[in-house]
Amino acid sequence: MLSLDGPATATGLSERVGQNTGTVSWHLRHLAEHGFIEEETGRGTKRERWWRRADATNELNMADFRDKPDSRGALSVYLHELVQQYFDRVTNYISEDWDDVWRNAGTVADWPDLRLTPEQLAALNAELMAVVARHTPAPDAPPAPGALPVVVQLQSFPRHKHGNS
């Protein structure tokens, strides 16, 4: 939520997620301890702390967990929650009422007929990320007139061949 909607307080976040403020505050403090978020200084009071996403890039290398059985369960829970959030974003978009200009600008698509090597898949992902990076404005750039926040989601993965498909 901090990534998508910007800074918020534990109280504001607790109302949105349906959890008590103490629980949300505890999680916020732990996220801050590990550098995922930070307090927004100069805003709020001692009692009302505002939190924002830290500028640090977080990259999860799943291979790091391959030989650590104690971490595999936590990784699985995290990845399932992440994919559920992606799914929820798409279903929310589909169910919302957008005018034709925005509805025609967005897309939900897949290309299930690709046949790639691991190297080709990695290259495809790098190219797609470079395209998104070219369209990502600088943090201090003012938004273009009429611009709205846009989410770009990318999932690319191999699948086992089943039957004659």
N, C-alpha and C. Protein backbone atom coordinates (compact mmCIF):
# COMPACT_ATOMS: atom_id res chain seq x y z
N MET A 1 0.81 -1.19 0.00
CA MET A 1 0.00 0.00 0.00
C MET A 1 0.86 1.26 0.00
N LEU A 2 1.97 1.21 0.72
CA LEU A 2 2.86 2.37 0.72
C LEU A 2 3.49 2.55 -0.65
N SER A 3 3.77 1.47 -1.34
CA SER A 3 4.33 1.56 -2.69
C SER A 3 3.30 2.11 -3.67
N LEU A 4 2.08 1.66 -3.56
CA LEU A 4 1.05 2.05 -4.52
C LEU A 4 0.44 3.42 -4.23
N ASP A 5 0.19 3.70 -2.96
CA ASP A 5 -0.58 4.90 -2.61
C ASP A 5 0.20 5.96 -1.86
N GLY A 6 1.45 5.70 -1.57
CA GLY A 6 2.26 6.69 -0.88
C GLY A 6 2.18 6.58 0.63
N PRO A 7 2.79 7.55 1.31
CA PRO A 7 2.92 7.51 2.76
C PRO A 7 1.57 7.40 3.48
N ALA A 8 1.61 6.74 4.64
CA ALA A 8 0.41 6.56 5.45
C ALA A 8 0.81 6.32 6.90
N THR A 9 -0.17 6.43 7.76
CA THR A 9 0.03 6.13 9.18
C THR A 9 -0.45 4.71 9.46
N ALA A 10 -0.06 4.20 10.62
CA ALA A 10 -0.52 2.87 11.03
C ALA A 10 -2.04 2.86 11.16
N THR A 11 -2.61 3.94 11.63
CA THR A 11 -4.06 4.02 11.78
C THR A 11 -4.75 3.94 10.42
N GLY A 12 -4.26 4.72 9.46
CA GLY A 12 -4.84 4.69 8.13
C GLY A 12 -4.71 3.33 7.47
N LEU A 13 -3.54 2.72 7.63
CA LEU A 13 -3.33 1.39 7.04
C LEU A 13 -4.19 0.34 7.74
N SER A 14 -4.33 0.44 9.05
CA SER A 14 -5.11 -0.56 9.78
C SER A 14 -6.57 -0.55 9.34
N GLU A 15 -7.09 0.64 9.04
CA GLU A 15 -8.48 0.73 8.56
C GLU A 15 -8.62 0.06 7.20
N ARG A 16 -7.61 0.21 6.36
CA ARG A 16 -7.67 -0.36 5.01
C ARG A 16 -7.49 -1.86 4.99
N VAL A 17 -6.71 -2.41 5.91
CA VAL A 17 -6.46 -3.86 5.90
C VAL A 17 -7.32 -4.62 6.90
N GLY A 18 -8.08 -3.90 7.72
CA GLY A 18 -8.95 -4.57 8.67
C GLY A 18 -8.23 -5.20 9.85
N GLN A 19 -7.10 -4.63 10.24
CA GLN A 19 -6.33 -5.12 11.39
C GLN A 19 -6.25 -4.01 12.43
N ASN A 20 -5.95 -4.40 13.67
CA ASN A 20 -5.84 -3.35 14.69
C ASN A 20 -4.54 -2.57 14.52
N THR A 21 -4.55 -1.36 15.00
CA THR A 21 -3.42 -0.45 14.82
C THR A 21 -2.14 -0.99 15.43
N GLY A 22 -2.24 -1.65 16.58
CA GLY A 22 -1.06 -2.21 17.23
C GLY A 22 -0.36 -3.24 16.36
N THR A 23 -1.12 -4.10 15.73
CA THR A 23 -0.55 -5.12 14.85
C THR A 23 0.13 -4.48 13.66
N VAL A 24 -0.54 -3.50 13.05
CA VAL A 24 0.02 -2.82 11.88
C VAL A 24 1.27 -2.06 12.29
N SER A 25 1.26 -1.39 13.42
CA SER A 25 2.44 -0.66 13.91
C SER A 25 3.63 -1.59 14.11
N TRP A 26 3.36 -2.76 14.68
CA TRP A 26 4.41 -3.75 14.90
C TRP A 26 5.05 -4.15 13.57
N HIS A 27 4.21 -4.42 12.57
CA HIS A 27 4.73 -4.81 11.26
C HIS A 27 5.50 -3.66 10.61
N LEU A 28 5.00 -2.44 10.75
CA LEU A 28 5.70 -1.29 10.18
C LEU A 28 7.09 -1.12 10.80
N ARG A 29 7.18 -1.28 12.11
CA ARG A 29 8.48 -1.15 12.78
C ARG A 29 9.45 -2.22 12.27
N HIS A 30 8.96 -3.44 12.09
CA HIS A 30 9.84 -4.52 11.60
C HIS A 30 10.25 -4.29 10.15
N LEU A 31 9.35 -3.79 9.33
CA LEU A 31 9.71 -3.46 7.94
C LEU A 31 10.77 -2.36 7.91
N ALA A 32 10.63 -1.40 8.83
CA ALA A 32 11.61 -0.31 8.91
C ALA A 32 12.97 -0.83 9.39
N GLU A 33 12.97 -1.74 10.36
CA GLU A 33 14.23 -2.32 10.85
C GLU A 33 15.02 -2.98 9.74
N HIS A 34 14.34 -3.53 8.76
CA HIS A 34 15.01 -4.25 7.68
C HIS A 34 15.16 -3.41 6.41
N GLY A 35 14.83 -2.11 6.50
CA GLY A 35 15.09 -1.19 5.40
C GLY A 35 14.07 -1.18 4.27
N PHE A 36 12.91 -1.82 4.47
CA PHE A 36 11.89 -1.81 3.41
C PHE A 36 11.09 -0.52 3.40
N ILE A 37 10.88 0.05 4.57
CA ILE A 37 10.16 1.32 4.68
C ILE A 37 10.94 2.22 5.62
N GLU A 38 10.52 3.49 5.67
CA GLU A 38 11.17 4.44 6.58
C GLU A 38 10.14 5.45 7.06
N GLU A 39 10.44 6.04 8.21
CA GLU A 39 9.54 7.07 8.72
C GLU A 39 9.72 8.32 7.88
N GLU A 40 8.60 8.98 7.60
CA GLU A 40 8.65 10.24 6.85
C GLU A 40 8.81 11.35 7.88
N THR A 41 10.02 11.85 7.98
CA THR A 41 10.30 12.88 8.98
C THR A 41 9.66 14.20 8.57
N GLY A 42 9.33 14.99 9.57
CA GLY A 42 8.73 16.29 9.32
C GLY A 42 7.24 16.24 9.06
N ARG A 43 6.65 15.08 9.24
CA ARG A 43 5.22 14.94 9.00
C ARG A 43 4.63 14.19 10.19
N GLY A 44 3.49 14.61 10.63
CA GLY A 44 2.85 13.93 11.74
C GLY A 44 3.35 14.41 13.09
N THR A 45 3.03 13.64 14.11
CA THR A 45 3.42 13.97 15.47
C THR A 45 4.14 12.77 16.06
N LYS A 46 4.59 12.92 17.31
CA LYS A 46 5.25 11.79 17.98
C LYS A 46 4.30 10.61 18.07
N ARG A 47 3.02 10.90 18.22
CA ARG A 47 2.01 9.85 18.34
C ARG A 47 1.53 9.34 16.99
N GLU A 48 1.59 10.20 15.97
CA GLU A 48 1.13 9.82 14.64
C GLU A 48 2.34 9.82 13.70
N ARG A 49 2.88 8.64 13.46
CA ARG A 49 4.05 8.51 12.61
C ARG A 49 3.61 8.15 11.19
N TRP A 50 4.21 8.83 10.22
CA TRP A 50 3.94 8.55 8.82
C TRP A 50 5.07 7.70 8.28
N TRP A 51 4.70 6.70 7.48
CA TRP A 51 5.67 5.77 6.92
C TRP A 51 5.61 5.83 5.40
N ARG A 52 6.75 5.61 4.77
CA ARG A 52 6.82 5.56 3.30
C ARG A 52 7.76 4.42 2.90
N ARG A 53 7.61 4.01 1.67
CA ARG A 53 8.48 2.96 1.13
C ARG A 53 9.88 3.53 1.01
N ALA A 54 10.87 2.77 1.39
CA ALA A 54 12.26 3.20 1.24
C ALA A 54 12.65 3.15 -0.23
N ASP A 55 13.60 3.99 -0.61
CA ASP A 55 14.04 4.05 -2.00
C ASP A 55 14.88 2.85 -2.41
N ALA A 56 15.26 2.02 -1.47
CA ALA A 56 16.11 0.88 -1.77
C ALA A 56 15.40 -0.12 -2.68
N THR A 57 16.16 -0.71 -3.57
CA THR A 57 15.63 -1.74 -4.45
C THR A 57 15.72 -3.08 -3.72
N ASN A 58 14.61 -3.79 -3.70
CA ASN A 58 14.59 -5.09 -3.05
C ASN A 58 14.49 -6.17 -4.12
N GLU A 59 15.45 -7.06 -4.11
CA GLU A 59 15.45 -8.14 -5.09
C GLU A 59 15.51 -9.46 -4.35
N LEU A 60 14.60 -10.34 -4.69
CA LEU A 60 14.54 -11.65 -4.05
C LEU A 60 15.09 -12.68 -5.01
N ASN A 61 16.18 -13.33 -4.60
CA ASN A 61 16.76 -14.39 -5.41
C ASN A 61 16.29 -15.72 -4.82
N MET A 62 15.35 -16.35 -5.51
CA MET A 62 14.75 -17.58 -4.97
C MET A 62 15.76 -18.71 -4.86
N ALA A 63 16.83 -18.68 -5.65
CA ALA A 63 17.85 -19.71 -5.56
C ALA A 63 18.53 -19.71 -4.20
N ASP A 64 18.54 -18.56 -3.52
CA ASP A 64 19.14 -18.47 -2.19
C ASP A 64 18.42 -19.36 -1.18
N PHE A 65 17.17 -19.74 -1.47
CA PHE A 65 16.37 -20.51 -0.53
C PHE A 65 16.36 -22.00 -0.85
N ARG A 66 16.93 -22.38 -1.98
CA ARG A 66 16.85 -23.76 -2.46
C ARG A 66 17.36 -24.77 -1.42
N ASP A 67 18.47 -24.48 -0.78
CA ASP A 67 19.07 -25.42 0.15
C ASP A 67 18.78 -25.09 1.61
N LYS A 68 17.75 -24.30 1.86
CA LYS A 68 17.40 -23.91 3.23
C LYS A 68 15.97 -24.31 3.52
N PRO A 69 15.75 -25.56 3.93
CA PRO A 69 14.38 -26.03 4.16
C PRO A 69 13.60 -25.18 5.16
N ASP A 70 14.29 -24.59 6.13
CA ASP A 70 13.60 -23.78 7.13
C ASP A 70 13.00 -22.52 6.51
N SER A 71 13.58 -22.04 5.42
CA SER A 71 13.11 -20.81 4.77
C SER A 71 12.13 -21.07 3.64
N ARG A 72 12.10 -22.28 3.13
CA ARG A 72 11.24 -22.57 1.98
C ARG A 72 9.77 -22.31 2.26
N GLY A 73 9.30 -22.68 3.44
CA GLY A 73 7.89 -22.46 3.79
C GLY A 73 7.55 -20.98 3.81
N ALA A 74 8.42 -20.18 4.41
CA ALA A 74 8.20 -18.73 4.46
C ALA A 74 8.23 -18.14 3.06
N LEU A 75 9.15 -18.61 2.23
CA LEU A 75 9.23 -18.12 0.86
C LEU A 75 7.95 -18.46 0.10
N SER A 76 7.45 -19.66 0.28
CA SER A 76 6.22 -20.08 -0.39
C SER A 76 5.04 -19.21 0.03
N VAL A 77 4.91 -18.95 1.31
CA VAL A 77 3.82 -18.09 1.81
C VAL A 77 3.95 -16.69 1.21
N TYR A 78 5.16 -16.15 1.22
CA TYR A 78 5.39 -14.82 0.67
C TYR A 78 5.01 -14.76 -0.81
N LEU A 79 5.48 -15.73 -1.60
CA LEU A 79 5.20 -15.72 -3.04
C LEU A 79 3.72 -15.90 -3.33
N HIS A 80 3.05 -16.77 -2.57
CA HIS A 80 1.61 -16.93 -2.77
C HIS A 80 0.86 -15.64 -2.44
N GLU A 81 1.27 -14.95 -1.39
CA GLU A 81 0.63 -13.68 -1.04
C GLU A 81 0.89 -12.63 -2.12
N LEU A 82 2.10 -12.60 -2.64
CA LEU A 82 2.44 -11.65 -3.70
C LEU A 82 1.60 -11.89 -4.95
N VAL A 83 1.49 -13.14 -5.36
CA VAL A 83 0.69 -13.47 -6.54
C VAL A 83 -0.79 -13.15 -6.30
N GLN A 84 -1.27 -13.36 -5.07
CA GLN A 84 -2.65 -13.02 -4.76
C GLN A 84 -2.87 -11.51 -4.87
N GLN A 85 -1.90 -10.72 -4.42
CA GLN A 85 -2.01 -9.27 -4.57
C GLN A 85 -2.06 -8.87 -6.04
N TYR A 86 -1.22 -9.50 -6.87
CA TYR A 86 -1.25 -9.22 -8.31
C TYR A 86 -2.61 -9.57 -8.89
N PHE A 87 -3.13 -10.73 -8.53
CA PHE A 87 -4.44 -11.17 -9.00
C PHE A 87 -5.52 -10.18 -8.57
N ASP A 88 -5.48 -9.76 -7.30
CA ASP A 88 -6.48 -8.81 -6.80
C ASP A 88 -6.44 -7.49 -7.55
N ARG A 89 -5.24 -7.02 -7.91
CA ARG A 89 -5.14 -5.77 -8.67
C ARG A 89 -5.83 -5.90 -10.02
N VAL A 90 -5.62 -7.03 -10.69
CA VAL A 90 -6.24 -7.23 -12.00
C VAL A 90 -7.75 -7.34 -11.86
N THR A 91 -8.23 -8.12 -10.90
CA THR A 91 -9.68 -8.28 -10.75
C THR A 91 -10.33 -6.96 -10.34
N ASN A 92 -9.66 -6.15 -9.53
CA ASN A 92 -10.20 -4.84 -9.19
C ASN A 92 -10.31 -3.97 -10.44
N TYR A 93 -9.28 -3.96 -11.26
CA TYR A 93 -9.30 -3.18 -12.50
C TYR A 93 -10.47 -3.62 -13.39
N ILE A 94 -10.64 -4.91 -13.54
CA ILE A 94 -11.70 -5.42 -14.40
C ILE A 94 -13.08 -5.03 -13.88
N SER A 95 -13.25 -5.04 -12.57
CA SER A 95 -14.57 -4.76 -12.00
C SER A 95 -14.87 -3.27 -11.85
N GLU A 96 -13.85 -2.42 -11.95
CA GLU A 96 -14.06 -0.98 -11.81
C GLU A 96 -14.63 -0.37 -13.08
N ASP A 97 -15.27 0.77 -12.92
CA ASP A 97 -15.87 1.48 -14.05
C ASP A 97 -14.89 2.52 -14.57
N TRP A 98 -14.32 2.26 -15.75
CA TRP A 98 -13.39 3.18 -16.39
C TRP A 98 -14.02 3.69 -17.68
N ASP A 99 -13.69 4.93 -18.03
CA ASP A 99 -14.18 5.42 -19.32
C ASP A 99 -13.44 4.68 -20.44
N ASP A 100 -13.97 4.80 -21.65
CA ASP A 100 -13.44 4.04 -22.78
C ASP A 100 -11.98 4.34 -23.08
N VAL A 101 -11.55 5.58 -22.86
CA VAL A 101 -10.16 5.93 -23.14
C VAL A 101 -9.22 5.10 -22.27
N TRP A 102 -9.50 5.06 -20.96
CA TRP A 102 -8.66 4.28 -20.05
C TRP A 102 -8.87 2.78 -20.27
N ARG A 103 -10.10 2.35 -20.48
CA ARG A 103 -10.37 0.93 -20.68
C ARG A 103 -9.61 0.41 -21.90
N ASN A 104 -9.57 1.20 -22.98
CA ASN A 104 -8.87 0.78 -24.19
C ASN A 104 -7.36 0.90 -24.07
N ALA A 105 -6.87 1.69 -23.13
CA ALA A 105 -5.43 1.85 -22.96
C ALA A 105 -4.83 0.70 -22.14
N GLY A 106 -5.60 0.14 -21.23
CA GLY A 106 -5.11 -0.96 -20.41
C GLY A 106 -5.18 -2.28 -21.16
N THR A 107 -4.54 -3.29 -20.62
CA THR A 107 -4.59 -4.61 -21.24
C THR A 107 -4.41 -5.71 -20.20
N VAL A 108 -5.02 -6.81 -20.47
CA VAL A 108 -4.77 -8.05 -19.75
C VAL A 108 -4.52 -9.07 -20.85
N ALA A 109 -3.31 -9.55 -20.97
CA ALA A 109 -2.95 -10.41 -22.09
C ALA A 109 -1.98 -11.49 -21.65
N ASP A 110 -1.92 -12.53 -22.45
CA ASP A 110 -0.88 -13.52 -22.24
C ASP A 110 -0.46 -14.11 -23.59
N TRP A 111 0.71 -14.66 -23.62
CA TRP A 111 1.28 -15.27 -24.81
C TRP A 111 1.75 -16.68 -24.42
N PRO A 112 0.85 -17.65 -24.43
CA PRO A 112 1.21 -18.98 -23.92
C PRO A 112 1.96 -19.86 -24.92
N ASP A 113 2.21 -19.37 -26.13
CA ASP A 113 2.81 -20.23 -27.15
C ASP A 113 4.30 -20.01 -27.37
N LEU A 114 4.97 -19.29 -26.47
CA LEU A 114 6.41 -19.08 -26.61
C LEU A 114 7.16 -20.36 -26.24
N ARG A 115 8.28 -20.58 -26.89
CA ARG A 115 9.19 -21.68 -26.57
C ARG A 115 10.57 -21.04 -26.42
N LEU A 116 11.07 -20.95 -25.20
CA LEU A 116 12.31 -20.24 -24.93
C LEU A 116 13.26 -21.08 -24.08
N THR A 117 14.54 -20.80 -24.19
CA THR A 117 15.54 -21.36 -23.29
C THR A 117 15.58 -20.46 -22.05
N PRO A 118 16.21 -20.91 -20.98
CA PRO A 118 16.34 -20.01 -19.81
C PRO A 118 17.03 -18.70 -20.17
N GLU A 119 18.02 -18.74 -21.02
CA GLU A 119 18.74 -17.53 -21.42
C GLU A 119 17.82 -16.59 -22.21
N GLN A 120 17.00 -17.15 -23.09
CA GLN A 120 16.07 -16.33 -23.86
C GLN A 120 15.01 -15.71 -22.96
N LEU A 121 14.51 -16.48 -21.99
CA LEU A 121 13.52 -15.95 -21.05
C LEU A 121 14.11 -14.81 -20.23
N ALA A 122 15.34 -14.98 -19.77
CA ALA A 122 16.01 -13.92 -19.00
C ALA A 122 16.19 -12.67 -19.88
N ALA A 123 16.54 -12.86 -21.14
CA ALA A 123 16.72 -11.72 -22.05
C ALA A 123 15.38 -11.02 -22.30
N LEU A 124 14.32 -11.79 -22.48
CA LEU A 124 12.99 -11.20 -22.67
C LEU A 124 12.61 -10.35 -21.46
N ASN A 125 12.81 -10.90 -20.26
CA ASN A 125 12.49 -10.15 -19.05
C ASN A 125 13.30 -8.87 -18.95
N ALA A 126 14.59 -8.94 -19.27
CA ALA A 126 15.45 -7.75 -19.22
C ALA A 126 14.96 -6.68 -20.20
N GLU A 127 14.57 -7.10 -21.40
CA GLU A 127 14.06 -6.14 -22.38
C GLU A 127 12.76 -5.49 -21.92
N LEU A 128 11.86 -6.30 -21.36
CA LEU A 128 10.59 -5.75 -20.88
C LEU A 128 10.81 -4.78 -19.72
N MET A 129 11.72 -5.12 -18.83
CA MET A 129 12.02 -4.23 -17.71
C MET A 129 12.65 -2.93 -18.19
N ALA A 130 13.46 -3.01 -19.24
CA ALA A 130 14.06 -1.79 -19.81
C ALA A 130 12.99 -0.89 -20.42
N VAL A 131 11.99 -1.48 -21.05
CA VAL A 131 10.88 -0.69 -21.61
C VAL A 131 10.14 0.02 -20.48
N VAL A 132 9.83 -0.70 -19.41
CA VAL A 132 9.13 -0.08 -18.28
C VAL A 132 10.00 1.03 -17.69
N ALA A 133 11.28 0.79 -17.56
CA ALA A 133 12.19 1.80 -17.01
C ALA A 133 12.18 3.07 -17.86
N ARG A 134 12.10 2.93 -19.17
CA ARG A 134 12.06 4.11 -20.04
C ARG A 134 10.80 4.93 -19.83
N HIS A 135 9.73 4.30 -19.38
CA HIS A 135 8.46 4.99 -19.17
C HIS A 135 8.25 5.40 -17.71
N THR A 136 9.21 5.12 -16.86
CA THR A 136 9.11 5.47 -15.45
C THR A 136 9.69 6.86 -15.24
N PRO A 137 8.86 7.81 -14.81
CA PRO A 137 9.37 9.18 -14.64
C PRO A 137 10.32 9.27 -13.44
N ALA A 138 11.16 10.26 -13.49
CA ALA A 138 12.05 10.54 -12.36
C ALA A 138 11.19 10.87 -11.15
N PRO A 139 11.66 10.53 -9.94
CA PRO A 139 10.86 10.77 -8.74
C PRO A 139 10.42 12.23 -8.56
N ASP A 140 11.22 13.17 -9.03
CA ASP A 140 10.89 14.58 -8.84
C ASP A 140 10.18 15.19 -10.05
N ALA A 141 9.90 14.38 -11.08
CA ALA A 141 9.23 14.90 -12.28
C ALA A 141 7.74 15.07 -12.01
N PRO A 142 7.18 16.20 -12.42
CA PRO A 142 5.73 16.38 -12.24
C PRO A 142 4.98 15.46 -13.19
N PRO A 143 3.84 14.93 -12.75
CA PRO A 143 3.08 14.04 -13.65
C PRO A 143 2.51 14.83 -14.83
N ALA A 144 2.38 14.13 -15.95
CA ALA A 144 1.78 14.74 -17.14
C ALA A 144 0.32 15.05 -16.84
N PRO A 145 -0.25 16.07 -17.47
CA PRO A 145 -1.67 16.37 -17.26
C PRO A 145 -2.53 15.14 -17.61
N GLY A 146 -3.44 14.80 -16.73
CA GLY A 146 -4.32 13.66 -16.95
C GLY A 146 -3.72 12.32 -16.59
N ALA A 147 -2.47 12.30 -16.11
CA ALA A 147 -1.81 11.03 -15.76
C ALA A 147 -2.39 10.46 -14.47
N LEU A 148 -2.58 9.17 -14.46
CA LEU A 148 -3.00 8.44 -13.27
C LEU A 148 -1.94 7.41 -12.91
N PRO A 149 -1.89 6.96 -11.67
CA PRO A 149 -0.96 5.87 -11.35
C PRO A 149 -1.30 4.63 -12.18
N VAL A 150 -0.29 3.98 -12.69
CA VAL A 150 -0.48 2.78 -13.51
C VAL A 150 0.36 1.66 -12.93
N VAL A 151 -0.21 0.47 -12.85
CA VAL A 151 0.50 -0.72 -12.40
C VAL A 151 0.82 -1.57 -13.62
N VAL A 152 2.08 -1.94 -13.77
CA VAL A 152 2.49 -2.88 -14.81
C VAL A 152 2.95 -4.13 -14.08
N GLN A 153 2.31 -5.24 -14.38
CA GLN A 153 2.67 -6.51 -13.75
C GLN A 153 3.27 -7.42 -14.81
N LEU A 154 4.27 -8.15 -14.43
CA LEU A 154 4.90 -9.08 -15.35
C LEU A 154 5.10 -10.40 -14.63
N GLN A 155 4.56 -11.44 -15.21
CA GLN A 155 4.83 -12.78 -14.74
C GLN A 155 5.30 -13.57 -15.95
N SER A 156 6.48 -14.11 -15.90
CA SER A 156 6.96 -14.96 -16.98
C SER A 156 7.63 -16.16 -16.35
N PHE A 157 7.21 -17.33 -16.77
CA PHE A 157 7.71 -18.54 -16.13
C PHE A 157 7.52 -19.73 -17.06
N PRO A 158 8.36 -20.75 -16.89
CA PRO A 158 8.17 -21.96 -17.69
C PRO A 158 6.99 -22.75 -17.14
N ARG A 159 6.44 -23.59 -17.97
CA ARG A 159 5.42 -24.51 -17.48
C ARG A 159 5.74 -25.88 -18.03
N HIS A 160 5.39 -26.90 -17.27
CA HIS A 160 5.59 -28.27 -17.73
C HIS A 160 4.59 -28.57 -18.83
N LYS A 161 5.02 -29.27 -19.83
CA LYS A 161 4.14 -29.66 -20.91
C LYS A 161 3.22 -30.77 -20.42
N HIS A 162 1.92 -30.60 -20.69
CA HIS A 162 0.93 -31.59 -20.26
C HIS A 162 0.25 -32.15 -21.50
N GLY A 163 0.20 -33.44 -21.62
CA GLY A 163 -0.53 -34.08 -22.73
C GLY A 163 0.04 -33.67 -24.07
N ASN A 164 -0.84 -33.37 -24.99
CA ASN A 164 -0.45 -33.02 -26.35
C ASN A 164 -0.38 -31.52 -26.57
N SER A 165 -0.40 -30.72 -25.54
CA SER A 165 -0.40 -29.27 -25.72
C SER A 165 0.97 -28.72 -26.00
